[in-house]
Amino acid sequence: MKTLRFIGTTLLMVVLCLNFTACGDDDDDDTPTSEKLVGQWILVYEEGYEKNPAYPEYDEEWSRVPEGECYDYGHLTFRADGTFTEYELDNSIIGNGKWTLSNGLLSLRYGSDTDVYDLKVTELTSTKLVLECYEEKTDGDKEYSKMTYQKK
C-alpha cells in the first residue's frame, strides 16, 4: 500500500512539474512598436528588383551595401511626435513628413503629399530595422525593395 501511495505521489509531482514548465509566457508579442522605431536609422544594405514585362532588357536586380546614393529609401530619423526625415547617404535631406506604425505596417506621408507610402516592417529590434516595399503597377511593372537599417 505504501508503494502505491509513493508511486501515486511521484506521478503527481511529475505531472505538476511538467505542467509548470510547459506553460510559457503568453505576453510574447512580436508586433513592432513605435517606441523601438524612434531614433536615427542608417541604411546598411539594400536589395530588390524592377521587372518590366514589356521591356525585359531593362529589368534590374540589386543586392548591395549602398554607395553614393540609395536606390529607394535613404537614412531615416523617426521622432516620437510622429514626424520623420529621410536623408541621402551624404546626409542631405530628401524629405520630411509624418509616420504611423500599425500592425507591422509603417506608413510615410511626405510633407503635404496626399500619397502614403506603406512599408512592411519585417524586423524591428533595438538595433536593427528591416523594411520591405512591393508595388505592382497597372502596366504590369513590378518593383520590390528590401532595406536593412542599423540604429545610430
Protein backbone atom coordinates (compact mmCIF):
# COMPACT_ATOMS: atom_id res chain seq x y z
CA MET A 1 0.00 0.00 0.00
CA LYS A 2 2.89 2.35 0.84
CA THR A 3 4.42 1.56 -2.54
CA LEU A 4 1.23 2.52 -4.40
CA ARG A 5 0.96 5.77 -2.43
CA PHE A 6 4.63 6.55 -3.18
CA ILE A 7 4.15 5.85 -6.92
CA GLY A 8 0.96 7.96 -6.99
CA THR A 9 2.65 10.87 -5.23
CA THR A 10 5.66 10.65 -7.55
CA LEU A 11 3.45 10.65 -10.65
CA LEU A 12 1.50 13.63 -9.32
CA MET A 13 4.76 15.57 -8.77
CA VAL A 14 6.00 14.73 -12.27
CA VAL A 15 2.71 15.87 -13.82
CA LEU A 16 2.77 19.12 -11.82
CA CYS A 17 6.39 19.79 -12.80
CA LEU A 18 5.61 19.21 -16.47
CA ASN A 19 2.57 21.43 -16.22
CA PHE A 20 4.57 24.36 -14.82
CA THR A 21 7.43 24.01 -17.30
CA ALA A 22 5.07 23.63 -20.25
CA CYS A 23 3.38 26.94 -19.53
CA GLY A 24 5.09 29.69 -21.49
CA ASP A 25 4.73 33.43 -21.29
CA ASP A 26 1.58 34.38 -23.15
CA ASP A 27 2.67 38.01 -23.23
CA ASP A 28 5.21 37.45 -26.02
CA ASP A 29 4.43 39.98 -28.75
CA ASP A 30 6.50 40.28 -31.90
CA THR A 31 4.50 43.24 -33.18
CA PRO A 32 6.82 46.18 -33.92
CA THR A 33 6.31 49.10 -31.56
CA SER A 34 6.61 52.83 -32.13
CA GLU A 35 8.96 53.14 -29.16
CA LYS A 36 11.54 50.90 -30.85
CA LEU A 37 11.23 52.80 -34.12
CA VAL A 38 12.01 56.25 -32.71
CA GLY A 39 15.61 57.29 -33.43
CA GLN A 40 18.16 57.57 -36.25
CA TRP A 41 18.45 54.64 -38.67
CA ILE A 42 21.38 54.22 -41.06
CA LEU A 43 20.84 52.27 -44.30
CA VAL A 44 23.42 49.46 -44.31
CA TYR A 45 22.10 47.10 -47.01
CA GLU A 46 19.55 47.16 -49.81
CA GLU A 47 18.27 44.63 -52.29
CA GLY A 48 15.43 44.42 -54.75
CA TYR A 49 14.33 44.36 -58.35
CA GLU A 50 12.39 46.13 -61.07
CA LYS A 51 10.67 43.99 -63.68
CA ASN A 52 9.10 45.38 -66.85
CA PRO A 53 7.28 42.72 -68.91
CA ALA A 54 7.10 45.00 -71.96
CA TYR A 55 10.85 45.71 -71.89
CA PRO A 56 12.63 42.85 -70.11
CA GLU A 57 16.00 44.16 -71.28
CA TYR A 58 15.56 46.96 -68.73
CA ASP A 59 14.91 44.62 -65.79
CA GLU A 60 17.17 45.30 -62.82
CA GLU A 61 18.18 43.43 -59.69
CA TRP A 62 20.44 44.65 -56.92
CA SER A 63 21.87 43.42 -53.66
CA ARG A 64 24.48 45.72 -52.18
CA VAL A 65 25.85 47.88 -49.46
CA PRO A 66 24.70 51.34 -50.57
CA GLU A 67 27.39 53.60 -52.01
CA GLY A 68 26.99 57.07 -53.46
CA GLU A 69 23.20 57.08 -53.49
CA CYS A 70 20.48 54.82 -52.21
CA TYR A 71 18.08 53.09 -54.56
CA ASP A 72 14.76 53.65 -52.78
CA TYR A 73 14.86 54.93 -49.22
CA GLY A 74 17.86 56.50 -47.52
CA HIS A 75 18.76 57.08 -43.88
CA LEU A 76 15.71 57.73 -41.72
CA THR A 77 15.08 59.59 -38.47
CA PHE A 78 11.79 58.91 -36.69
CA ARG A 79 10.65 61.21 -33.89
CA ALA A 80 8.21 60.44 -31.06
CA ASP A 81 5.89 63.22 -32.26
CA GLY A 82 5.13 61.20 -35.43
CA THR A 83 7.40 63.14 -37.79
CA PHE A 84 10.34 61.81 -39.81
CA THR A 85 13.16 62.98 -42.05
CA GLU A 86 14.73 60.99 -44.87
CA TYR A 87 18.36 61.63 -45.83
CA GLU A 88 20.61 60.74 -48.75
CA LEU A 89 23.78 58.82 -47.92
CA ASP A 90 25.69 62.14 -47.74
CA ASN A 91 23.13 63.27 -45.09
CA SER A 92 21.46 65.85 -47.34
CA ILE A 93 17.73 65.95 -46.67
CA ILE A 94 15.46 64.17 -49.16
CA GLY A 95 12.20 64.99 -47.42
CA ASN A 96 10.17 65.34 -44.24
CA GLY A 97 6.77 64.10 -43.26
CA LYS A 98 4.62 62.16 -40.83
CA TRP A 99 4.76 58.47 -39.96
CA THR A 100 2.48 55.92 -38.35
CA LEU A 101 3.10 52.30 -37.39
CA SER A 102 0.22 49.87 -37.16
CA ASN A 103 0.08 46.07 -37.41
CA GLY A 104 3.61 45.82 -38.79
CA LEU A 105 2.99 48.43 -41.49
CA LEU A 106 4.99 51.67 -41.50
CA SER A 107 3.15 54.44 -43.37
CA LEU A 108 5.07 57.51 -44.56
CA ARG A 109 3.43 60.71 -45.81
CA TYR A 110 5.85 63.32 -47.19
CA GLY A 111 5.00 66.97 -46.47
CA SER A 112 1.59 67.92 -47.83
CA ASP A 113 1.64 64.96 -50.23
CA THR A 114 -1.61 63.02 -50.20
CA ASP A 115 0.15 59.80 -51.20
CA VAL A 116 1.03 57.41 -48.40
CA TYR A 117 3.97 55.05 -48.83
CA ASP A 118 3.45 51.79 -46.96
CA LEU A 119 6.45 49.71 -45.92
CA LYS A 120 6.20 46.30 -44.29
CA VAL A 121 8.29 46.04 -41.12
CA THR A 122 9.77 42.53 -41.26
CA GLU A 123 12.15 43.03 -38.33
CA LEU A 124 12.46 45.65 -35.63
CA THR A 125 14.77 45.34 -32.64
CA SER A 126 16.53 47.97 -30.57
CA THR A 127 19.39 47.99 -33.13
CA LYS A 128 18.02 46.62 -36.43
CA LEU A 129 15.18 47.61 -38.77
CA VAL A 130 14.22 45.76 -41.96
CA LEU A 131 11.65 47.29 -44.31
CA GLU A 132 10.11 45.90 -47.49
CA CYS A 133 8.01 47.53 -50.17
CA TYR A 134 6.35 45.95 -53.18
CA GLU A 135 4.44 47.69 -55.93
CA GLU A 136 2.73 46.25 -58.96
CA LYS A 137 1.73 48.96 -61.41
CA THR A 138 -1.22 48.92 -63.79
CA ASP A 139 1.10 48.42 -66.78
CA GLY A 140 2.46 45.20 -65.24
CA ASP A 141 5.72 46.66 -63.92
CA LYS A 142 6.78 45.20 -60.58
CA GLU A 143 9.11 46.80 -58.04
CA TYR A 144 10.42 45.29 -54.83
CA SER A 145 12.88 46.70 -52.30
CA LYS A 146 14.21 45.42 -49.00
CA MET A 147 16.19 47.84 -46.86
CA THR A 148 18.19 46.93 -43.76
CA TYR A 149 18.98 49.65 -41.22
CA GLN A 150 21.15 49.88 -38.14
CA LYS A 151 20.28 52.23 -35.29
CA LYS A 152 22.78 55.02 -34.77
